[in-house]
N, C-alpha and C. Protein backbone atom coordinates (compact mmCIF):
# COMPACT_ATOMS: atom_id res chain seq x y z
N MET A 1 206.37 146.87 69.43
CA MET A 1 205.04 146.31 69.38
C MET A 1 205.10 144.79 69.53
N LEU A 2 206.03 144.17 68.81
CA LEU A 2 206.19 142.72 68.89
C LEU A 2 206.53 142.30 70.31
N PHE A 3 207.37 143.10 70.99
CA PHE A 3 207.74 142.82 72.38
C PHE A 3 206.50 142.83 73.28
N SER A 4 205.61 143.79 73.09
CA SER A 4 204.38 143.87 73.89
C SER A 4 203.49 142.66 73.68
N ILE A 5 203.40 142.21 72.46
CA ILE A 5 202.58 141.03 72.16
C ILE A 5 203.18 139.80 72.82
N LEU A 6 204.52 139.65 72.71
CA LEU A 6 205.19 138.52 73.34
C LEU A 6 205.05 138.56 74.86
N LEU A 7 205.15 139.75 75.43
CA LEU A 7 205.02 139.90 76.88
C LEU A 7 203.62 139.50 77.33
N LEU A 8 202.60 139.91 76.61
CA LEU A 8 201.22 139.53 76.96
C LEU A 8 201.03 138.03 76.82
N ALA A 9 201.61 137.44 75.81
CA ALA A 9 201.44 136.01 75.59
C ALA A 9 202.12 135.19 76.68
N SER A 10 203.21 135.70 77.25
CA SER A 10 203.94 134.93 78.25
C SER A 10 203.53 135.25 79.68
N THR A 11 202.70 136.27 79.90
CA THR A 11 202.26 136.64 81.24
C THR A 11 201.16 135.70 81.69
N PRO A 12 201.36 135.04 82.86
CA PRO A 12 200.28 134.16 83.34
C PRO A 12 199.02 134.96 83.59
N GLN A 13 197.93 134.42 83.17
CA GLN A 13 196.64 135.10 83.35
C GLN A 13 196.00 134.66 84.67
N GLU A 14 195.36 135.61 85.34
CA GLU A 14 194.62 135.30 86.57
C GLU A 14 193.47 134.38 86.21
N PRO A 15 193.25 133.33 87.00
CA PRO A 15 192.09 132.48 86.71
C PRO A 15 190.81 133.29 86.89
N GLN A 16 189.92 133.13 85.95
CA GLN A 16 188.66 133.85 86.01
C GLN A 16 187.71 133.11 86.96
N PRO A 17 187.05 133.85 87.85
CA PRO A 17 186.12 133.17 88.75
C PRO A 17 184.99 132.52 87.96
N THR A 18 184.65 131.31 88.35
CA THR A 18 183.55 130.65 87.68
C THR A 18 182.24 131.17 88.25
N GLU A 19 181.31 131.42 87.39
CA GLU A 19 180.02 131.92 87.82
C GLU A 19 179.20 130.78 88.41
N VAL A 20 178.61 131.04 89.54
CA VAL A 20 177.81 130.03 90.23
C VAL A 20 176.41 130.01 89.63
N ASP A 21 175.91 128.83 89.40
CA ASP A 21 174.56 128.67 88.86
C ASP A 21 173.58 128.59 90.02
N CYS A 22 172.81 129.63 90.22
CA CYS A 22 171.85 129.69 91.32
C CYS A 22 170.43 129.35 90.86
N SER A 23 170.32 128.72 89.73
CA SER A 23 168.99 128.38 89.22
C SER A 23 168.50 127.08 89.85
N TYR A 24 167.21 126.88 89.78
CA TYR A 24 166.60 125.65 90.28
C TYR A 24 165.26 125.48 89.60
N ASP A 25 164.73 124.28 89.67
CA ASP A 25 163.44 123.96 89.08
C ASP A 25 162.38 124.18 90.17
N LEU A 26 161.66 125.28 90.08
CA LEU A 26 160.69 125.63 91.11
C LEU A 26 159.61 124.56 91.25
N GLU A 27 159.09 124.05 90.16
CA GLU A 27 158.05 123.02 90.24
C GLU A 27 158.56 121.79 90.97
N GLU A 28 159.78 121.40 90.67
CA GLU A 28 160.39 120.25 91.34
C GLU A 28 160.53 120.51 92.84
N MET A 29 160.96 121.70 93.19
CA MET A 29 161.13 122.05 94.61
C MET A 29 159.79 122.08 95.34
N LEU A 30 158.76 122.63 94.70
CA LEU A 30 157.45 122.72 95.33
C LEU A 30 156.80 121.35 95.51
N ALA A 31 157.25 120.35 94.77
CA ALA A 31 156.70 119.00 94.89
C ALA A 31 157.29 118.24 96.08
N LEU A 32 158.36 118.76 96.68
CA LEU A 32 159.03 118.07 97.79
C LEU A 32 158.23 118.19 99.09
N ASP A 33 158.31 117.14 99.91
CA ASP A 33 157.70 117.22 101.24
C ASP A 33 158.63 118.04 102.16
N LEU A 34 158.15 118.37 103.34
CA LEU A 34 158.90 119.25 104.26
C LEU A 34 160.28 118.69 104.59
N ASP A 35 160.36 117.42 104.97
CA ASP A 35 161.66 116.86 105.35
C ASP A 35 162.65 116.90 104.20
N THR A 36 162.22 116.52 103.03
CA THR A 36 163.12 116.51 101.88
C THR A 36 163.51 117.94 101.51
N PHE A 37 162.56 118.84 101.53
CA PHE A 37 162.85 120.23 101.17
C PHE A 37 163.78 120.90 102.17
N ASP A 38 163.54 120.66 103.46
CA ASP A 38 164.27 121.42 104.48
C ASP A 38 165.47 120.69 105.06
N GLN A 39 165.43 119.38 105.18
CA GLN A 39 166.49 118.68 105.91
C GLN A 39 167.47 117.90 105.04
N ASP A 40 167.11 117.58 103.82
CA ASP A 40 167.99 116.81 102.94
C ASP A 40 169.14 117.72 102.47
N LEU A 41 170.37 117.35 102.81
CA LEU A 41 171.53 118.17 102.44
C LEU A 41 171.77 118.19 100.94
N ASP A 42 171.23 117.20 100.21
CA ASP A 42 171.44 117.12 98.77
C ASP A 42 170.23 117.57 97.97
N GLY A 43 169.17 117.97 98.63
CA GLY A 43 167.96 118.38 97.92
C GLY A 43 167.38 119.63 98.54
N GLY A 44 166.26 120.08 98.03
CA GLY A 44 165.63 121.26 98.59
C GLY A 44 166.49 122.50 98.44
N TRP A 45 166.42 123.37 99.43
CA TRP A 45 167.11 124.66 99.37
C TRP A 45 168.59 124.59 99.74
N ARG A 46 169.02 123.57 100.45
CA ARG A 46 170.38 123.54 101.00
C ARG A 46 171.50 123.56 99.95
N PRO A 47 171.39 122.86 98.83
CA PRO A 47 172.46 122.98 97.83
C PRO A 47 172.68 124.42 97.35
N LEU A 48 171.62 125.19 97.25
CA LEU A 48 171.78 126.60 96.87
C LEU A 48 172.63 127.33 97.91
N SER A 49 172.34 127.10 99.17
CA SER A 49 173.10 127.74 100.23
C SER A 49 174.57 127.34 100.18
N MET A 50 174.81 126.05 99.96
CA MET A 50 176.19 125.56 99.93
C MET A 50 176.99 126.16 98.78
N GLN A 51 176.30 126.63 97.74
CA GLN A 51 176.97 127.28 96.61
C GLN A 51 177.11 128.78 96.83
N GLY A 52 176.61 129.28 97.95
CA GLY A 52 176.67 130.72 98.21
C GLY A 52 175.50 131.49 97.65
N CYS A 53 174.46 130.79 97.19
CA CYS A 53 173.27 131.43 96.62
C CYS A 53 172.25 131.68 97.73
N HIS A 54 172.61 132.51 98.70
CA HIS A 54 171.79 132.70 99.89
C HIS A 54 170.48 133.43 99.60
N ALA A 55 170.54 134.48 98.81
CA ALA A 55 169.31 135.22 98.49
C ALA A 55 168.34 134.32 97.71
N GLU A 56 168.88 133.53 96.80
CA GLU A 56 168.04 132.62 96.02
C GLU A 56 167.45 131.53 96.91
N ALA A 57 168.25 131.03 97.85
CA ALA A 57 167.74 130.02 98.78
C ALA A 57 166.63 130.60 99.64
N ALA A 58 166.79 131.84 100.08
CA ALA A 58 165.75 132.50 100.88
C ALA A 58 164.46 132.62 100.08
N GLU A 59 164.58 133.04 98.84
CA GLU A 59 163.39 133.18 98.00
C GLU A 59 162.72 131.83 97.76
N LEU A 60 163.52 130.79 97.59
CA LEU A 60 162.96 129.46 97.39
C LEU A 60 162.20 129.00 98.64
N ILE A 61 162.77 129.23 99.80
CA ILE A 61 162.08 128.85 101.04
C ILE A 61 160.77 129.61 101.16
N ARG A 62 160.81 130.91 100.85
CA ARG A 62 159.59 131.73 100.91
C ARG A 62 158.54 131.19 99.95
N GLU A 63 158.95 130.88 98.73
CA GLU A 63 158.01 130.34 97.73
C GLU A 63 157.41 129.03 98.22
N TRP A 64 158.24 128.16 98.79
CA TRP A 64 157.77 126.86 99.27
C TRP A 64 156.78 127.06 100.41
N ARG A 65 157.11 127.98 101.34
CA ARG A 65 156.20 128.25 102.46
C ARG A 65 154.84 128.75 101.96
N TYR A 66 154.86 129.68 101.02
CA TYR A 66 153.61 130.23 100.50
C TYR A 66 152.80 129.17 99.78
N GLU A 67 153.46 128.40 98.94
CA GLU A 67 152.76 127.36 98.17
C GLU A 67 152.12 126.33 99.09
N LYS A 68 152.85 125.94 100.12
CA LYS A 68 152.37 124.89 101.04
C LYS A 68 151.57 125.45 102.21
N ARG A 69 151.50 126.77 102.29
CA ARG A 69 150.85 127.44 103.43
C ARG A 69 151.45 126.90 104.73
N ALA A 70 152.77 126.76 104.72
CA ALA A 70 153.51 126.18 105.85
C ALA A 70 153.99 127.29 106.78
N HIS A 71 153.73 127.11 108.04
CA HIS A 71 154.14 128.10 109.04
C HIS A 71 155.07 127.47 110.08
N ASN A 72 155.85 126.47 109.65
CA ASN A 72 156.79 125.83 110.54
C ASN A 72 157.87 126.84 110.92
N SER A 73 158.13 126.96 112.20
CA SER A 73 159.10 127.95 112.64
C SER A 73 160.49 127.67 112.07
N ILE A 74 160.82 126.41 111.82
CA ILE A 74 162.15 126.11 111.28
C ILE A 74 162.31 126.68 109.87
N LEU A 75 161.22 126.75 109.11
CA LEU A 75 161.30 127.36 107.78
C LEU A 75 161.52 128.86 107.89
N TYR A 76 160.84 129.51 108.84
CA TYR A 76 161.09 130.94 109.06
C TYR A 76 162.55 131.14 109.47
N TRP A 77 163.05 130.24 110.34
CA TRP A 77 164.42 130.36 110.81
C TRP A 77 165.41 130.21 109.65
N HIS A 78 165.22 129.18 108.85
CA HIS A 78 166.16 128.95 107.75
C HIS A 78 166.08 130.05 106.69
N GLU A 79 164.89 130.54 106.42
CA GLU A 79 164.80 131.67 105.49
C GLU A 79 165.50 132.88 106.09
N GLY A 80 165.29 133.09 107.39
CA GLY A 80 165.97 134.20 108.06
C GLY A 80 167.48 134.07 107.99
N GLN A 81 167.99 132.87 108.20
CA GLN A 81 169.44 132.66 108.09
C GLN A 81 169.94 133.00 106.69
N MET A 82 169.22 132.54 105.69
CA MET A 82 169.66 132.81 104.32
C MET A 82 169.63 134.31 104.03
N ARG A 83 168.63 134.99 104.56
CA ARG A 83 168.56 136.45 104.36
C ARG A 83 169.69 137.14 105.13
N ALA A 84 170.02 136.67 106.32
CA ALA A 84 171.13 137.24 107.08
C ALA A 84 172.45 137.00 106.34
N PHE A 85 172.63 135.80 105.80
CA PHE A 85 173.84 135.51 105.01
C PHE A 85 173.93 136.45 103.81
N ALA A 86 172.78 136.77 103.21
CA ALA A 86 172.74 137.63 102.03
C ALA A 86 172.82 139.11 102.39
N GLY A 87 172.89 139.43 103.67
CA GLY A 87 172.97 140.83 104.09
C GLY A 87 171.62 141.52 104.18
N GLN A 88 170.53 140.76 104.13
CA GLN A 88 169.18 141.32 104.22
C GLN A 88 168.74 141.30 105.69
N THR A 89 169.37 142.15 106.48
CA THR A 89 169.22 142.11 107.93
C THR A 89 167.80 142.37 108.41
N ASP A 90 167.13 143.37 107.89
CA ASP A 90 165.77 143.69 108.35
C ASP A 90 164.82 142.51 108.12
N GLU A 91 164.93 141.90 106.95
CA GLU A 91 164.09 140.75 106.63
C GLU A 91 164.42 139.57 107.56
N ALA A 92 165.71 139.36 107.81
CA ALA A 92 166.13 138.28 108.70
C ALA A 92 165.58 138.49 110.11
N LEU A 93 165.68 139.71 110.61
CA LEU A 93 165.17 140.00 111.96
C LEU A 93 163.69 139.70 112.07
N ALA A 94 162.92 140.10 111.07
CA ALA A 94 161.47 139.85 111.10
C ALA A 94 161.18 138.35 111.11
N LEU A 95 161.91 137.59 110.33
CA LEU A 95 161.70 136.14 110.27
C LEU A 95 162.14 135.46 111.56
N PHE A 96 163.29 135.85 112.10
CA PHE A 96 163.76 135.25 113.35
C PHE A 96 162.75 135.47 114.47
N ALA A 97 162.14 136.64 114.50
CA ALA A 97 161.17 136.95 115.56
C ALA A 97 159.96 136.03 115.52
N LEU A 98 159.68 135.43 114.38
CA LEU A 98 158.55 134.51 114.24
C LEU A 98 158.83 133.12 114.79
N THR A 99 160.05 132.87 115.25
CA THR A 99 160.43 131.51 115.65
C THR A 99 160.41 131.28 117.16
N TYR A 100 160.09 132.30 117.93
CA TYR A 100 160.03 132.10 119.39
C TYR A 100 159.00 131.03 119.73
N LYS A 101 159.33 130.24 120.74
CA LYS A 101 158.43 129.18 121.22
C LYS A 101 157.78 129.63 122.53
N PRO A 102 156.60 129.11 122.86
CA PRO A 102 156.02 129.41 124.17
C PRO A 102 157.03 129.00 125.26
N ALA A 103 157.17 129.82 126.28
CA ALA A 103 158.19 129.59 127.32
C ALA A 103 158.11 128.19 127.92
N ASP A 104 156.91 127.68 128.16
CA ASP A 104 156.78 126.36 128.78
C ASP A 104 157.26 125.23 127.85
N LEU A 105 157.26 125.47 126.54
CA LEU A 105 157.73 124.46 125.59
C LEU A 105 159.24 124.57 125.34
N ASP A 106 159.84 125.63 125.83
CA ASP A 106 161.25 125.86 125.56
C ASP A 106 162.13 125.78 126.81
N ALA A 107 161.54 125.50 127.95
CA ALA A 107 162.29 125.52 129.21
C ALA A 107 163.46 124.55 129.22
N ASP A 108 163.36 123.45 128.50
CA ASP A 108 164.40 122.42 128.54
C ASP A 108 165.37 122.48 127.36
N PHE A 109 165.24 123.48 126.50
CA PHE A 109 166.10 123.51 125.31
C PHE A 109 166.83 124.84 125.14
N GLY A 110 166.16 125.95 125.39
CA GLY A 110 166.81 127.25 125.27
C GLY A 110 166.80 127.86 123.89
N TRP A 111 165.88 127.41 123.03
CA TRP A 111 165.79 127.97 121.68
C TRP A 111 165.60 129.49 121.72
N ASN A 112 164.70 129.95 122.60
CA ASN A 112 164.41 131.38 122.64
C ASN A 112 165.65 132.21 122.99
N HIS A 113 166.55 131.66 123.80
CA HIS A 113 167.79 132.37 124.13
C HIS A 113 168.70 132.46 122.90
N TYR A 114 168.71 131.40 122.11
CA TYR A 114 169.47 131.41 120.87
C TYR A 114 168.91 132.47 119.92
N VAL A 115 167.60 132.53 119.81
CA VAL A 115 166.97 133.55 118.97
C VAL A 115 167.32 134.94 119.49
N ASP A 116 167.20 135.13 120.81
CA ASP A 116 167.55 136.43 121.41
C ASP A 116 168.98 136.83 121.06
N GLY A 117 169.91 135.87 121.19
CA GLY A 117 171.31 136.16 120.92
C GLY A 117 171.57 136.49 119.46
N THR A 118 170.91 135.77 118.57
CA THR A 118 171.07 136.02 117.15
C THR A 118 170.54 137.41 116.79
N ILE A 119 169.36 137.72 117.29
CA ILE A 119 168.79 139.05 117.03
C ILE A 119 169.68 140.14 117.63
N ALA A 120 170.21 139.90 118.82
CA ALA A 120 171.09 140.89 119.46
C ALA A 120 172.33 141.13 118.60
N PHE A 121 172.90 140.06 118.04
CA PHE A 121 174.07 140.23 117.18
C PHE A 121 173.73 141.07 115.96
N LEU A 122 172.62 140.76 115.31
CA LEU A 122 172.24 141.52 114.11
C LEU A 122 171.91 142.98 114.42
N ARG A 123 171.41 143.23 115.61
CA ARG A 123 171.10 144.61 116.02
C ARG A 123 172.30 145.31 116.65
N ARG A 124 173.39 144.58 116.79
CA ARG A 124 174.62 145.10 117.39
C ARG A 124 174.41 145.54 118.83
N ASP A 125 173.71 144.68 119.57
CA ASP A 125 173.44 144.91 120.99
C ASP A 125 174.21 143.87 121.79
N ARG A 126 175.44 144.19 122.11
CA ARG A 126 176.32 143.22 122.76
C ARG A 126 175.85 142.85 124.16
N GLU A 127 175.24 143.79 124.86
CA GLU A 127 174.73 143.51 126.21
C GLU A 127 173.64 142.43 126.15
N ARG A 128 172.75 142.54 125.18
CA ARG A 128 171.69 141.52 125.04
C ARG A 128 172.25 140.18 124.57
N LEU A 129 173.30 140.21 123.77
CA LEU A 129 173.95 138.96 123.37
C LEU A 129 174.53 138.28 124.61
N ALA A 130 175.20 139.03 125.46
CA ALA A 130 175.78 138.46 126.68
C ALA A 130 174.69 137.88 127.58
N LEU A 131 173.57 138.57 127.69
CA LEU A 131 172.45 138.09 128.50
C LEU A 131 171.87 136.79 127.91
N ALA A 132 171.75 136.74 126.61
CA ALA A 132 171.23 135.53 125.96
C ALA A 132 172.17 134.35 126.21
N MET A 133 173.47 134.59 126.14
CA MET A 133 174.44 133.52 126.39
C MET A 133 174.37 133.06 127.85
N GLU A 134 174.21 134.00 128.73
CA GLU A 134 174.10 133.66 130.17
C GLU A 134 172.87 132.80 130.42
N ARG A 135 171.75 133.19 129.84
CA ARG A 135 170.50 132.45 130.03
C ARG A 135 170.56 131.07 129.36
N LEU A 136 171.18 131.00 128.19
CA LEU A 136 171.32 129.71 127.52
C LEU A 136 172.19 128.76 128.35
N ALA A 137 173.22 129.28 128.97
CA ALA A 137 174.11 128.45 129.80
C ALA A 137 173.39 127.89 131.02
N GLU A 138 172.30 128.52 131.43
CA GLU A 138 171.56 128.08 132.60
C GLU A 138 170.54 126.98 132.32
N VAL A 139 170.30 126.68 131.06
CA VAL A 139 169.33 125.63 130.71
C VAL A 139 169.88 124.29 131.21
N PRO A 140 169.10 123.57 132.03
CA PRO A 140 169.61 122.32 132.60
C PRO A 140 169.91 121.27 131.53
N GLU A 141 171.04 120.60 131.72
CA GLU A 141 171.45 119.57 130.78
C GLU A 141 170.61 118.31 130.97
N PRO A 142 170.09 117.74 129.90
CA PRO A 142 169.31 116.50 130.03
C PRO A 142 170.22 115.31 130.34
N ASP A 143 169.62 114.23 130.82
CA ASP A 143 170.38 113.03 131.14
C ASP A 143 170.99 112.39 129.88
N ASP A 144 170.27 112.48 128.77
CA ASP A 144 170.73 111.85 127.53
C ASP A 144 170.93 112.91 126.46
N LEU A 145 172.15 113.04 125.98
CA LEU A 145 172.46 114.02 124.94
C LEU A 145 172.59 113.38 123.56
N THR A 146 172.12 112.15 123.42
CA THR A 146 172.22 111.49 122.11
C THR A 146 170.91 111.65 121.34
N ALA A 147 171.05 111.68 120.04
CA ALA A 147 169.90 111.74 119.14
C ALA A 147 170.17 110.82 117.96
N THR A 148 169.13 110.19 117.47
CA THR A 148 169.26 109.31 116.31
C THR A 148 168.79 110.06 115.07
N MET A 149 169.67 110.15 114.10
CA MET A 149 169.37 110.85 112.86
C MET A 149 168.49 109.96 111.97
N PRO A 150 167.85 110.55 110.95
CA PRO A 150 166.99 109.76 110.07
C PRO A 150 167.69 108.55 109.43
N ASP A 151 169.01 108.66 109.21
CA ASP A 151 169.73 107.54 108.60
C ASP A 151 170.19 106.50 109.63
N GLY A 152 169.82 106.69 110.90
CA GLY A 152 170.17 105.75 111.95
C GLY A 152 171.44 106.09 112.71
N THR A 153 172.17 107.08 112.25
CA THR A 153 173.39 107.50 112.93
C THR A 153 173.04 108.13 114.27
N VAL A 154 173.76 107.74 115.31
CA VAL A 154 173.55 108.32 116.63
C VAL A 154 174.61 109.39 116.85
N VAL A 155 174.17 110.58 117.20
CA VAL A 155 175.09 111.70 117.46
C VAL A 155 174.90 112.18 118.89
N THR A 156 175.95 112.74 119.43
CA THR A 156 175.89 113.34 120.76
C THR A 156 175.86 114.85 120.59
N MET A 157 174.84 115.47 121.15
CA MET A 157 174.70 116.92 121.05
C MET A 157 175.63 117.61 122.05
N SER A 158 176.13 118.76 121.64
CA SER A 158 176.86 119.58 122.59
C SER A 158 175.82 120.33 123.44
N TRP A 159 176.20 120.69 124.64
CA TRP A 159 175.26 121.39 125.51
C TRP A 159 175.90 122.63 126.06
N PRO A 160 175.17 123.70 126.14
CA PRO A 160 173.82 123.92 125.60
C PRO A 160 173.84 124.08 124.09
N PRO A 161 172.74 123.71 123.45
CA PRO A 161 172.69 123.77 121.99
C PRO A 161 172.84 125.19 121.46
N ASN A 162 173.60 125.30 120.40
CA ASN A 162 173.82 126.57 119.69
C ASN A 162 174.65 127.59 120.46
N MET A 163 175.19 127.22 121.61
CA MET A 163 176.05 128.15 122.34
C MET A 163 177.27 128.51 121.50
N ASN A 164 177.78 127.53 120.72
CA ASN A 164 178.95 127.82 119.90
C ASN A 164 178.68 128.93 118.88
N VAL A 165 177.45 129.03 118.40
CA VAL A 165 177.11 130.09 117.45
C VAL A 165 177.11 131.44 118.16
N LEU A 166 176.48 131.50 119.33
CA LEU A 166 176.46 132.77 120.07
C LEU A 166 177.87 133.18 120.47
N GLN A 167 178.70 132.22 120.84
CA GLN A 167 180.10 132.53 121.17
C GLN A 167 180.84 133.06 119.94
N ALA A 168 180.54 132.49 118.77
CA ALA A 168 181.15 132.98 117.53
C ALA A 168 180.75 134.42 117.27
N PHE A 169 179.49 134.73 117.50
CA PHE A 169 179.03 136.12 117.33
C PHE A 169 179.80 137.05 118.28
N ASP A 170 180.02 136.59 119.50
CA ASP A 170 180.74 137.40 120.48
C ASP A 170 182.22 137.53 120.10
N HIS A 171 182.84 136.43 119.69
CA HIS A 171 184.26 136.45 119.33
C HIS A 171 184.52 137.29 118.09
N CYS A 172 183.59 137.30 117.18
CA CYS A 172 183.77 138.02 115.91
C CYS A 172 182.73 139.12 115.78
N TRP A 173 182.61 139.90 116.82
CA TRP A 173 181.58 140.93 116.95
C TRP A 173 181.55 141.89 115.77
N GLU A 174 182.68 142.23 115.23
CA GLU A 174 182.74 143.23 114.16
C GLU A 174 182.42 142.65 112.78
N GLU A 175 182.30 141.34 112.70
CA GLU A 175 182.08 140.68 111.41
C GLU A 175 180.60 140.68 111.02
N THR A 176 180.35 140.30 109.78
CA THR A 176 178.98 140.11 109.31
C THR A 176 178.44 138.81 109.89
N TYR A 177 177.13 138.62 109.80
CA TYR A 177 176.51 137.36 110.21
C TYR A 177 177.17 136.20 109.48
N SER A 178 177.32 136.33 108.19
CA SER A 178 177.89 135.26 107.37
C SER A 178 179.29 134.90 107.83
N ASP A 179 180.12 135.89 108.06
CA ASP A 179 181.49 135.62 108.46
C ASP A 179 181.56 135.05 109.87
N ALA A 180 180.83 135.62 110.81
CA ALA A 180 180.87 135.13 112.19
C ALA A 180 180.28 133.73 112.29
N TYR A 181 179.19 133.47 111.60
CA TYR A 181 178.54 132.16 111.65
C TYR A 181 179.39 131.09 110.97
N GLY A 182 179.99 131.44 109.86
CA GLY A 182 180.65 130.43 109.05
C GLY A 182 182.14 130.25 109.27
N ASP A 183 182.78 131.13 110.01
CA ASP A 183 184.23 131.07 110.20
C ASP A 183 184.57 130.18 111.39
N SER A 184 185.29 129.09 111.14
CA SER A 184 185.63 128.18 112.24
C SER A 184 186.53 128.86 113.27
N ASN A 185 187.26 129.89 112.88
CA ASN A 185 188.07 130.63 113.86
C ASN A 185 187.17 131.38 114.84
N CYS A 186 186.00 131.80 114.38
CA CYS A 186 185.05 132.48 115.29
C CYS A 186 184.43 131.47 116.24
N ARG A 187 184.10 130.32 115.72
CA ARG A 187 183.42 129.30 116.53
C ARG A 187 184.34 128.61 117.51
N GLY A 188 185.56 128.36 117.09
CA GLY A 188 186.48 127.66 117.96
C GLY A 188 186.21 126.17 118.03
N SER A 189 185.12 125.69 117.44
CA SER A 189 184.81 124.26 117.40
C SER A 189 183.86 124.01 116.25
N GLU A 190 183.66 122.78 115.96
CA GLU A 190 182.79 122.40 114.84
C GLU A 190 181.50 121.75 115.34
N ALA A 191 180.97 122.22 116.47
CA ALA A 191 179.78 121.61 117.03
C ALA A 191 178.57 121.85 116.14
N GLU A 192 177.56 121.01 116.31
CA GLU A 192 176.32 121.11 115.53
C GLU A 192 175.53 122.35 115.92
N SER A 193 174.81 122.91 114.97
CA SER A 193 173.90 124.02 115.23
C SER A 193 172.85 124.06 114.15
N GLU A 194 171.79 124.81 114.40
CA GLU A 194 170.72 124.98 113.40
C GLU A 194 171.12 126.03 112.42
């Protein structure tokens, strides 16, 4: 018996996973303006996502949209992404479908092709993913690929936008949305994406 006690005392213990705190102050979040809520990496819903609290981030975005009666397509997109990360595929598909732009407003960017490709990946329709990638590759490159961020930093966009994400979906076809989107081995590069 003494030997068993000594053996237990000398055996290294596995580190216990720390529980992630997915709580937030709803009133504080609802008081934020759109840019702070959606684009600030240190505020709004994004810190929840960075901690892996995807379902909670999705619910927060939904609450903010309802409270503000906001129908910005980027909010639908980001809520959809959080739901896809959380494995809530049907909800993500419905939200992504709300983000299509009128064709004449999207001719120079290819957002709709990115949406098509994302939906194709979630529906496991590889033929439609390939078609979306082909169409996105055909979007003409603008003369200037630079953009100035709110903090004044000038960045150069990769072209076509979000192609790296669709390529990641293709390279990691058997993976979940979360794994294919977030794995740098799937992407092959660290280019910017929504």
